[in-house]
């Protein structure tokens, strides 16, 4: 088992999860984070830290797409290990659905 980040993170990009990760397996895109599934040690400390419930176990039904996305982008996006401020308009997007189709960006973030 591993953990993944789903589309609830898009345009919210809180980094509370990054701060508690003992193995630094988070990677930053322009408008979301992903977890490298081969680096994640399945400790689960990140999951309750996410204020928008974007972190899920890969054993949940329908999560395969997100496992592939997390794997793909964690290979190219920069590693992030430090907490940053969430985007100013994060609250506006917190409850929005279908954010992947509307807003996903494959562009890398800044990293640390």
N, C-alpha and C. Protein backbone atom coordinates (compact mmCIF):
# COMPACT_ATOMS: atom_id res chain seq x y z
N UNK A 1 0.84 -1.19 0.00
CA UNK A 1 0.00 0.00 0.00
C UNK A 1 0.88 1.25 0.00
N UNK A 2 0.38 2.28 -0.60
CA UNK A 2 1.03 3.58 -0.60
C UNK A 2 -0.07 4.64 -0.55
N UNK A 3 0.30 5.86 -0.42
CA UNK A 3 -0.66 6.96 -0.43
C UNK A 3 -0.47 7.76 -1.71
N UNK A 4 -1.55 8.39 -2.15
CA UNK A 4 -1.52 9.21 -3.36
C UNK A 4 -2.26 10.52 -3.06
N UNK A 5 -2.07 11.48 -3.95
CA UNK A 5 -2.78 12.75 -3.88
C UNK A 5 -3.75 12.77 -5.06
N UNK A 6 -5.00 13.17 -4.81
CA UNK A 6 -5.97 13.23 -5.91
C UNK A 6 -6.29 14.68 -6.28
N UNK A 7 -7.29 14.89 -7.10
CA UNK A 7 -7.57 16.21 -7.66
C UNK A 7 -8.11 17.23 -6.66
N UNK A 8 -8.41 16.81 -5.45
CA UNK A 8 -8.83 17.78 -4.43
C UNK A 8 -7.69 18.74 -4.11
N UNK A 9 -6.48 18.34 -4.39
CA UNK A 9 -5.31 19.19 -4.12
C UNK A 9 -5.15 20.30 -5.16
N UNK A 10 -5.67 20.08 -6.36
CA UNK A 10 -5.48 21.06 -7.44
C UNK A 10 -6.07 22.41 -7.05
N UNK A 11 -5.27 23.43 -7.22
CA UNK A 11 -5.61 24.83 -6.91
C UNK A 11 -5.73 25.10 -5.41
N UNK A 12 -5.53 24.09 -4.56
CA UNK A 12 -5.52 24.29 -3.10
C UNK A 12 -4.08 24.21 -2.60
N UNK A 13 -3.40 23.15 -2.96
CA UNK A 13 -1.98 22.93 -2.71
C UNK A 13 -1.51 23.37 -1.31
N UNK A 14 -2.22 22.87 -0.31
CA UNK A 14 -1.75 23.05 1.06
C UNK A 14 -0.52 22.16 1.22
N UNK A 15 0.40 22.55 2.02
CA UNK A 15 1.62 21.75 2.17
C UNK A 15 1.83 21.26 3.60
N UNK A 16 0.76 21.20 4.37
CA UNK A 16 0.85 20.67 5.73
C UNK A 16 1.39 19.24 5.72
N UNK A 17 1.02 18.47 4.70
CA UNK A 17 1.43 17.08 4.55
C UNK A 17 2.94 16.96 4.38
N UNK A 18 3.52 17.87 3.65
CA UNK A 18 4.94 17.86 3.35
C UNK A 18 5.76 17.97 4.63
N UNK A 19 5.29 18.81 5.51
CA UNK A 19 5.99 19.09 6.76
C UNK A 19 6.14 17.86 7.65
N UNK A 20 5.18 16.93 7.59
CA UNK A 20 5.21 15.77 8.48
C UNK A 20 5.78 14.52 7.85
N UNK A 21 6.01 14.54 6.55
CA UNK A 21 6.49 13.34 5.84
C UNK A 21 7.91 12.98 6.27
N UNK A 22 8.12 11.78 6.83
CA UNK A 22 9.45 11.41 7.31
C UNK A 22 10.43 11.02 6.20
N UNK A 23 9.92 10.79 4.99
CA UNK A 23 10.82 10.35 3.91
C UNK A 23 10.85 11.33 2.72
N UNK A 24 10.21 12.47 2.85
CA UNK A 24 10.26 13.51 1.82
C UNK A 24 9.86 12.99 0.44
N UNK A 25 8.70 12.35 0.36
CA UNK A 25 8.26 11.75 -0.90
C UNK A 25 7.23 12.59 -1.65
N UNK A 26 7.11 13.88 -1.31
CA UNK A 26 6.18 14.78 -2.00
C UNK A 26 6.92 15.56 -3.09
N UNK A 27 6.22 15.78 -4.19
CA UNK A 27 6.76 16.50 -5.33
C UNK A 27 5.76 17.57 -5.73
N UNK A 28 6.28 18.72 -6.17
CA UNK A 28 5.43 19.88 -6.38
C UNK A 28 5.25 20.23 -7.85
N UNK A 29 3.98 20.28 -8.26
CA UNK A 29 3.63 20.78 -9.57
C UNK A 29 3.18 22.22 -9.44
N UNK A 30 2.86 22.82 -10.56
CA UNK A 30 2.43 24.21 -10.56
C UNK A 30 1.22 24.45 -9.66
N UNK A 31 0.26 23.50 -9.67
CA UNK A 31 -0.94 23.74 -8.86
C UNK A 31 -1.40 22.55 -8.02
N UNK A 32 -0.53 21.57 -7.82
CA UNK A 32 -0.85 20.45 -6.93
C UNK A 32 0.42 19.74 -6.49
N UNK A 33 0.29 18.86 -5.54
CA UNK A 33 1.38 18.01 -5.08
C UNK A 33 1.09 16.57 -5.48
N UNK A 34 2.13 15.75 -5.57
CA UNK A 34 1.97 14.31 -5.75
C UNK A 34 2.92 13.60 -4.80
N UNK A 35 2.66 12.32 -4.58
CA UNK A 35 3.50 11.47 -3.74
C UNK A 35 4.17 10.44 -4.65
N UNK A 36 5.47 10.24 -4.46
CA UNK A 36 6.16 9.19 -5.21
C UNK A 36 5.81 7.86 -4.56
N UNK A 37 5.06 7.00 -5.25
CA UNK A 37 4.58 5.77 -4.62
C UNK A 37 5.68 4.79 -4.22
N UNK A 38 6.83 4.85 -4.87
CA UNK A 38 7.92 3.95 -4.51
C UNK A 38 8.73 4.45 -3.33
N UNK A 39 8.59 5.72 -3.00
CA UNK A 39 9.31 6.30 -1.86
C UNK A 39 8.45 6.32 -0.60
N UNK A 40 7.14 6.36 -0.76
CA UNK A 40 6.22 6.40 0.37
C UNK A 40 6.37 5.13 1.20
N UNK A 41 6.48 5.30 2.51
CA UNK A 41 6.65 4.14 3.40
C UNK A 41 5.33 3.75 4.08
N UNK A 42 4.24 4.30 3.59
CA UNK A 42 2.90 3.91 4.05
C UNK A 42 2.65 4.20 5.53
N UNK A 43 3.29 5.23 6.04
CA UNK A 43 3.13 5.54 7.47
C UNK A 43 1.79 6.22 7.75
N UNK A 44 1.25 6.94 6.77
CA UNK A 44 -0.05 7.57 6.91
C UNK A 44 -0.09 8.86 7.69
N UNK A 45 1.03 9.39 8.12
CA UNK A 45 0.99 10.63 8.91
C UNK A 45 0.54 11.83 8.09
N UNK A 46 0.69 11.78 6.78
CA UNK A 46 0.29 12.90 5.93
C UNK A 46 -1.22 12.99 5.75
N UNK A 47 -1.88 11.86 5.73
CA UNK A 47 -3.31 11.83 5.40
C UNK A 47 -4.16 12.75 6.27
N UNK A 48 -4.06 12.70 7.59
CA UNK A 48 -4.91 13.57 8.41
C UNK A 48 -4.49 15.04 8.38
N UNK A 49 -3.32 15.34 7.85
CA UNK A 49 -2.84 16.72 7.79
C UNK A 49 -3.46 17.52 6.64
N UNK A 50 -4.01 16.84 5.66
CA UNK A 50 -4.55 17.53 4.48
C UNK A 50 -5.91 18.13 4.79
N UNK A 51 -6.04 19.45 4.75
CA UNK A 51 -7.31 20.08 5.09
C UNK A 51 -8.41 19.89 4.06
N UNK A 52 -8.07 19.40 2.86
CA UNK A 52 -9.10 19.18 1.83
C UNK A 52 -9.30 17.69 1.52
N UNK A 53 -8.71 16.82 2.32
CA UNK A 53 -8.89 15.37 2.17
C UNK A 53 -8.44 14.86 0.80
N UNK A 54 -7.30 15.35 0.34
CA UNK A 54 -6.79 14.97 -0.98
C UNK A 54 -5.85 13.78 -0.95
N UNK A 55 -5.49 13.29 0.21
CA UNK A 55 -4.55 12.18 0.32
C UNK A 55 -5.33 10.91 0.64
N UNK A 56 -5.13 9.90 -0.19
CA UNK A 56 -5.87 8.64 -0.07
C UNK A 56 -4.92 7.46 -0.14
N UNK A 57 -5.33 6.36 0.49
CA UNK A 57 -4.60 5.10 0.36
C UNK A 57 -4.85 4.54 -1.03
N UNK A 58 -3.86 3.91 -1.62
CA UNK A 58 -4.04 3.38 -2.97
C UNK A 58 -4.93 2.15 -3.01
N UNK A 59 -5.42 1.71 -1.87
CA UNK A 59 -6.33 0.57 -1.81
C UNK A 59 -7.79 0.98 -1.96
N UNK A 60 -8.06 2.27 -1.99
CA UNK A 60 -9.43 2.73 -2.16
C UNK A 60 -9.89 2.48 -3.59
N UNK A 61 -11.16 2.17 -3.78
CA UNK A 61 -11.65 1.90 -5.13
C UNK A 61 -11.54 3.13 -6.03
N UNK A 62 -11.22 2.90 -7.31
CA UNK A 62 -11.16 3.97 -8.29
C UNK A 62 -9.94 4.85 -8.23
N UNK A 63 -8.93 4.43 -7.52
CA UNK A 63 -7.76 5.28 -7.28
C UNK A 63 -6.64 5.03 -8.30
N UNK A 64 -6.80 4.04 -9.18
CA UNK A 64 -5.73 3.65 -10.10
C UNK A 64 -5.24 4.82 -10.95
N UNK A 65 -6.15 5.63 -11.46
CA UNK A 65 -5.78 6.79 -12.27
C UNK A 65 -4.83 7.69 -11.50
N UNK A 66 -5.13 7.89 -10.22
CA UNK A 66 -4.33 8.79 -9.40
C UNK A 66 -2.98 8.19 -9.04
N UNK A 67 -2.93 6.89 -8.91
CA UNK A 67 -1.65 6.23 -8.67
C UNK A 67 -0.73 6.46 -9.87
N UNK A 68 -1.27 6.32 -11.08
CA UNK A 68 -0.49 6.55 -12.30
C UNK A 68 -0.04 8.01 -12.39
N UNK A 69 -0.92 8.95 -12.09
CA UNK A 69 -0.58 10.37 -12.15
C UNK A 69 0.50 10.71 -11.12
N UNK A 70 0.35 10.20 -9.90
CA UNK A 70 1.35 10.46 -8.86
C UNK A 70 2.71 9.89 -9.27
N UNK A 71 2.69 8.68 -9.82
CA UNK A 71 3.96 8.06 -10.25
C UNK A 71 4.61 8.88 -11.37
N UNK A 72 3.83 9.23 -12.39
CA UNK A 72 4.37 9.94 -13.54
C UNK A 72 4.99 11.29 -13.15
N UNK A 73 4.25 12.09 -12.41
CA UNK A 73 4.72 13.45 -12.13
C UNK A 73 5.75 13.51 -11.01
N UNK A 74 5.77 12.53 -10.14
CA UNK A 74 6.82 12.52 -9.11
C UNK A 74 8.18 12.24 -9.72
N UNK A 75 8.20 11.73 -10.93
CA UNK A 75 9.46 11.47 -11.63
C UNK A 75 10.05 12.74 -12.26
N UNK A 76 9.21 13.77 -12.48
CA UNK A 76 9.70 14.96 -13.18
C UNK A 76 9.59 16.25 -12.37
N UNK A 77 8.67 16.30 -11.43
CA UNK A 77 8.51 17.52 -10.63
C UNK A 77 9.55 17.58 -9.52
N UNK A 78 9.88 18.77 -9.04
CA UNK A 78 10.87 18.90 -7.96
C UNK A 78 10.33 18.43 -6.61
N UNK A 79 11.23 17.91 -5.82
CA UNK A 79 10.90 17.48 -4.47
C UNK A 79 10.59 18.70 -3.60
N UNK A 80 9.62 18.54 -2.71
CA UNK A 80 9.29 19.60 -1.76
C UNK A 80 9.31 19.00 -0.36
N UNK A 81 10.02 19.67 0.55
CA UNK A 81 10.15 19.16 1.92
C UNK A 81 9.75 20.20 2.96
N UNK A 82 9.51 21.43 2.52
CA UNK A 82 9.18 22.51 3.45
C UNK A 82 7.77 23.02 3.21
N UNK A 83 7.08 23.34 4.28
CA UNK A 83 5.73 23.88 4.18
C UNK A 83 5.78 25.28 3.57
N UNK A 84 4.82 25.56 2.70
CA UNK A 84 4.67 26.88 2.08
C UNK A 84 3.25 27.36 2.34
N UNK A 85 3.02 28.62 2.12
CA UNK A 85 1.66 29.15 2.21
C UNK A 85 0.83 28.59 1.07
N UNK A 86 -0.43 28.28 1.36
CA UNK A 86 -1.35 27.84 0.32
C UNK A 86 -1.67 29.03 -0.58
N UNK A 87 -2.11 28.77 -1.80
CA UNK A 87 -2.51 29.88 -2.67
C UNK A 87 -3.58 30.73 -1.99
N UNK A 88 -3.58 32.01 -2.27
CA UNK A 88 -4.51 32.95 -1.63
C UNK A 88 -5.97 32.57 -1.89
N UNK A 89 -6.25 31.97 -3.04
CA UNK A 89 -7.63 31.62 -3.37
C UNK A 89 -7.94 30.13 -3.15
N UNK A 90 -7.15 29.44 -2.34
CA UNK A 90 -7.33 28.00 -2.11
C UNK A 90 -8.74 27.66 -1.60
N UNK A 91 -9.25 28.45 -0.69
CA UNK A 91 -10.59 28.19 -0.14
C UNK A 91 -11.66 28.20 -1.22
N UNK A 92 -11.51 29.04 -2.19
CA UNK A 92 -12.47 29.16 -3.29
C UNK A 92 -12.60 27.83 -4.06
N UNK A 93 -11.51 27.08 -4.15
CA UNK A 93 -11.49 25.85 -4.92
C UNK A 93 -11.62 24.58 -4.08
N UNK A 94 -11.67 24.71 -2.77
CA UNK A 94 -11.63 23.55 -1.88
C UNK A 94 -12.73 22.53 -2.14
N UNK A 95 -13.93 22.96 -2.42
CA UNK A 95 -15.06 22.05 -2.60
C UNK A 95 -15.41 21.78 -4.06
N UNK A 96 -14.70 22.39 -4.98
CA UNK A 96 -15.01 22.22 -6.40
C UNK A 96 -14.71 20.80 -6.86
N UNK A 97 -15.52 20.29 -7.75
CA UNK A 97 -15.33 18.94 -8.29
C UNK A 97 -14.76 19.01 -9.70
N UNK A 98 -14.24 17.87 -10.17
CA UNK A 98 -13.68 17.75 -11.53
C UNK A 98 -12.56 18.76 -11.81
N UNK A 99 -11.74 18.98 -10.82
CA UNK A 99 -10.68 19.97 -10.98
C UNK A 99 -9.58 19.51 -11.94
N UNK A 100 -9.39 18.20 -12.08
CA UNK A 100 -8.35 17.72 -12.98
C UNK A 100 -8.64 18.18 -14.41
N UNK A 101 -9.86 17.96 -14.85
CA UNK A 101 -10.24 18.33 -16.21
C UNK A 101 -10.23 19.85 -16.42
N UNK A 102 -10.50 20.59 -15.39
CA UNK A 102 -10.59 22.05 -15.51
C UNK A 102 -9.25 22.76 -15.35
N UNK A 103 -8.42 22.30 -14.41
CA UNK A 103 -7.28 23.11 -14.00
C UNK A 103 -5.91 22.44 -13.97
N UNK A 104 -5.83 21.13 -14.11
CA UNK A 104 -4.55 20.45 -13.95
C UNK A 104 -3.48 21.05 -14.85
N UNK A 105 -2.30 21.23 -14.30
CA UNK A 105 -1.13 21.68 -15.06
C UNK A 105 0.00 20.68 -14.86
N UNK A 106 0.59 20.26 -15.95
CA UNK A 106 1.73 19.34 -15.89
C UNK A 106 3.04 20.08 -15.62
N UNK A 107 2.98 21.39 -15.55
CA UNK A 107 4.18 22.19 -15.30
C UNK A 107 4.71 21.93 -13.88
N UNK A 108 6.01 21.90 -13.72
CA UNK A 108 6.57 21.70 -12.38
C UNK A 108 6.40 22.94 -11.51
N UNK A 109 6.44 22.70 -10.20
CA UNK A 109 6.42 23.79 -9.24
C UNK A 109 7.84 24.26 -8.97
N UNK A 110 7.97 25.01 -7.90
CA UNK A 110 9.28 25.59 -7.57
C UNK A 110 10.15 24.64 -6.76
N UNK A 111 9.54 23.70 -6.01
CA UNK A 111 10.31 22.86 -5.12
C UNK A 111 10.82 23.69 -3.95
N UNK A 112 11.78 23.14 -3.23
CA UNK A 112 12.34 23.87 -2.08
C UNK A 112 13.32 24.94 -2.51
